[in-house]
Protein backbone atom coordinates (compact mmCIF):
# COMPACT_ATOMS: atom_id res chain seq x y z
CA UNK A 1 108.14 132.55 258.64
CA UNK A 2 110.94 134.70 257.13
CA UNK A 3 114.32 134.90 258.78
CA UNK A 4 115.78 138.16 259.54
CA UNK A 5 118.69 139.87 258.33
CA UNK A 6 121.73 139.46 260.27
CA UNK A 7 124.14 140.14 257.27
CA UNK A 8 123.57 143.67 256.35
CA UNK A 9 124.93 146.64 253.83
CA UNK A 10 126.37 149.40 255.17
CA UNK A 11 126.60 152.81 253.63
CA UNK A 12 130.50 154.10 253.75
CA UNK A 13 129.04 157.03 255.73
CA UNK A 14 127.86 154.42 258.43
CA UNK A 15 123.95 154.29 257.45
CA UNK A 16 122.50 150.94 257.79
CA UNK A 17 120.44 149.71 254.61
CA UNK A 18 117.05 148.98 255.51
CA UNK A 19 116.15 145.17 255.84
CA UNK A 20 114.56 143.56 253.06
CA UNK A 21 115.73 146.40 250.90
CA UNK A 22 117.27 144.04 248.39
CA UNK A 23 116.80 140.36 249.56
CA UNK A 24 114.87 137.56 251.20
CA UNK A 25 116.59 135.81 253.88
CA UNK A 26 115.67 132.00 253.17
CA UNK A 27 118.04 130.60 256.15
CA UNK A 28 119.63 132.16 258.89
CA UNK A 29 121.78 130.97 261.72
CA UNK A 30 120.55 133.93 263.86
CA UNK A 31 119.12 132.64 267.23
CA UNK A 32 122.02 129.98 267.45
CA UNK A 33 124.90 130.18 269.63
CA UNK A 34 127.35 130.57 266.81
CA UNK A 35 128.79 134.07 267.83
CA UNK A 36 131.75 134.55 265.50
CA UNK A 37 130.05 133.12 262.52
CA UNK A 38 126.70 133.58 260.75
CA UNK A 39 125.42 131.63 258.27
CA UNK A 40 122.81 133.12 256.08
CA UNK A 41 121.09 131.98 252.45
CA UNK A 42 119.48 135.06 250.35
CA UNK A 43 117.43 135.28 247.36
CA UNK A 44 118.27 138.24 245.40
CA UNK A 45 116.77 140.12 242.43
CA UNK A 46 118.45 142.12 240.09
CA UNK A 47 119.91 145.42 241.67
CA UNK A 48 122.57 147.47 242.36
CA UNK A 49 124.81 148.82 245.17
CA UNK A 50 126.62 152.10 245.28
CA UNK A 51 129.32 152.58 248.35
CA UNK A 52 128.25 150.06 250.38
CA UNK A 53 130.40 147.81 252.91
CA UNK A 54 130.07 144.76 255.40
CA UNK A 55 131.00 145.14 258.85
CA UNK A 56 131.91 141.56 259.25
CA UNK A 57 134.24 139.61 256.58
CA UNK A 58 131.94 138.18 254.19
CA UNK A 59 132.26 134.95 252.11
CA UNK A 60 129.47 135.02 249.45
CA UNK A 61 128.86 131.49 247.51
CA UNK A 62 126.66 131.43 244.25
CA UNK A 63 124.52 128.54 244.95
CA UNK A 64 122.38 128.83 242.04
CA UNK A 65 122.32 129.91 238.26
CA UNK A 66 125.00 131.50 236.44
CA UNK A 67 124.78 135.58 237.12
CA UNK A 68 126.38 138.51 235.99
CA UNK A 69 127.67 140.73 238.23
CA UNK A 70 129.39 143.96 237.82
CA UNK A 71 131.86 145.72 240.46
CA UNK A 72 133.34 149.23 240.26
CA UNK A 73 136.88 149.02 240.87
CA UNK A 74 139.19 151.98 239.85
CA UNK A 75 136.33 154.10 238.72
CA UNK A 76 134.93 151.49 236.15
CA UNK A 77 133.02 148.84 236.34
CA UNK A 78 134.19 145.28 235.51
CA UNK A 79 132.05 142.16 234.63
CA UNK A 80 131.98 138.78 235.98
CA UNK A 81 129.85 135.68 235.54
CA UNK A 82 129.52 134.06 238.72
CA UNK A 83 128.97 130.14 237.98
CA UNK A 84 127.42 127.97 240.24
CA UNK A 85 129.77 127.51 243.31
CA UNK A 86 131.72 130.51 242.80
CA UNK A 87 133.03 131.90 245.99
CA UNK A 88 134.03 135.94 246.55
CA UNK A 89 135.46 137.50 249.54
CA UNK A 90 134.49 140.87 250.92
CA UNK A 91 136.90 142.19 253.81
CA UNK A 92 135.03 144.10 256.41
CA UNK A 93 134.74 147.61 256.01
CA UNK A 94 135.97 147.90 252.66
CA UNK A 95 133.60 150.23 250.31
CA UNK A 96 132.47 148.69 246.82
CA UNK A 97 129.55 149.41 244.43
CA UNK A 98 128.22 146.50 242.10
CA UNK A 99 125.32 145.40 240.06
CA UNK A 100 123.65 141.87 239.78
CA UNK A 101 122.08 140.91 236.85
CA UNK A 102 119.05 137.79 236.77
CA UNK A 103 116.87 136.96 234.42
CA UNK A 104 113.51 138.64 235.08
CA UNK A 105 111.35 136.45 237.25
CA UNK A 106 114.65 134.86 238.91
CA UNK A 107 116.80 135.28 241.85
CA UNK A 108 120.14 134.53 242.80
CA UNK A 109 120.71 132.21 245.42
CA UNK A 110 123.53 133.26 247.53
CA UNK A 111 124.90 131.85 250.52
CA UNK A 112 126.80 134.01 252.96
CA UNK A 113 129.23 133.50 255.71
CA UNK A 114 130.23 136.35 258.03
CA UNK A 115 133.09 136.15 260.20
CA UNK A 116 133.78 138.71 263.07
CA UNK A 117 137.01 140.25 262.58
CA UNK A 118 137.80 139.84 266.28
CA UNK A 119 137.19 136.16 265.61
CA UNK A 120 139.78 135.92 262.51
CA UNK A 121 142.35 138.19 265.07
CA UNK A 122 141.67 135.13 267.83
CA UNK A 123 142.42 132.39 265.11
CA UNK A 124 145.41 134.06 263.96
CA UNK A 125 146.80 134.41 267.32
CA UNK A 126 146.01 130.69 268.26
CA UNK A 127 147.89 129.81 265.34
CA UNK A 128 151.01 132.29 266.67
CA UNK A 129 150.68 134.65 263.85
CA UNK A 130 150.65 138.25 264.43
CA UNK A 131 146.94 139.08 263.87
CA UNK A 132 148.13 142.93 263.26
CA UNK A 133 149.93 141.54 260.06
CA UNK A 134 146.90 139.48 258.60
CA UNK A 135 145.33 141.23 255.67
CA UNK A 136 142.27 139.92 253.61
CA UNK A 137 142.19 140.52 250.19
CA UNK A 138 139.12 141.13 248.19
CA UNK A 139 138.32 138.09 245.90
CA UNK A 140 135.98 137.39 243.28
CA UNK A 141 135.12 134.43 240.81
CA UNK A 142 137.25 131.72 242.60
CA UNK A 143 136.13 128.20 243.40
CA UNK A 144 137.70 126.29 246.59
CA UNK A 145 136.54 122.91 247.05
CA UNK A 146 137.52 123.03 250.84
CA UNK A 147 136.01 126.21 251.58
CA UNK A 148 132.74 125.34 249.43
CA UNK A 149 132.67 121.83 251.70
CA UNK A 150 133.00 123.83 255.02
CA UNK A 151 130.36 126.23 254.07
CA UNK A 152 127.75 123.45 252.83
CA UNK A 153 128.67 121.75 256.26
CA UNK A 154 127.80 124.90 258.18
CA UNK A 155 124.73 125.30 256.20
CA UNK A 156 123.61 121.92 256.41
CA UNK A 157 123.78 122.45 260.67
CA UNK A 158 121.32 125.12 260.31
CA UNK A 159 118.97 123.46 257.97
CA UNK A 160 118.67 120.59 260.45
CA UNK A 161 119.07 122.44 263.37
CA UNK A 162 122.03 120.70 264.26
CA UNK A 163 124.02 123.98 265.32
CA UNK A 164 123.79 124.85 268.95
């Protein structure tokens, strides 16, 4: 049985892109009691997205082979090679355009961690930080062993059914 999409792309005009339009969900935390964090693993073919955004803060980890990504910044595309375990951060409601290129017959294996913006604000307040002054910055190509370890632990919890 295929898992439903919970981490979706939205057009900047507020229109939701239809499920199954781009990827196939192979693992999802939907149906658990995790309210503030969604973990999903997707398989993507080559695709192109124009003027889309996420409604949650989304961390993306390339779980598979190196892929070519192109993102439009300041009116022109910039090329990035996403090696295995590379991490990108997409802040909520920040439009972007991009192209994903994979070899014919191959898919990109991507792990998403989506965080509710209200959850981030609550965590900031719990740390006695001014939540209104916290800004998440779009970031690509980085590797972060700590974040990778946390993501793999969350993924393992979903795989084994050990998440509430």
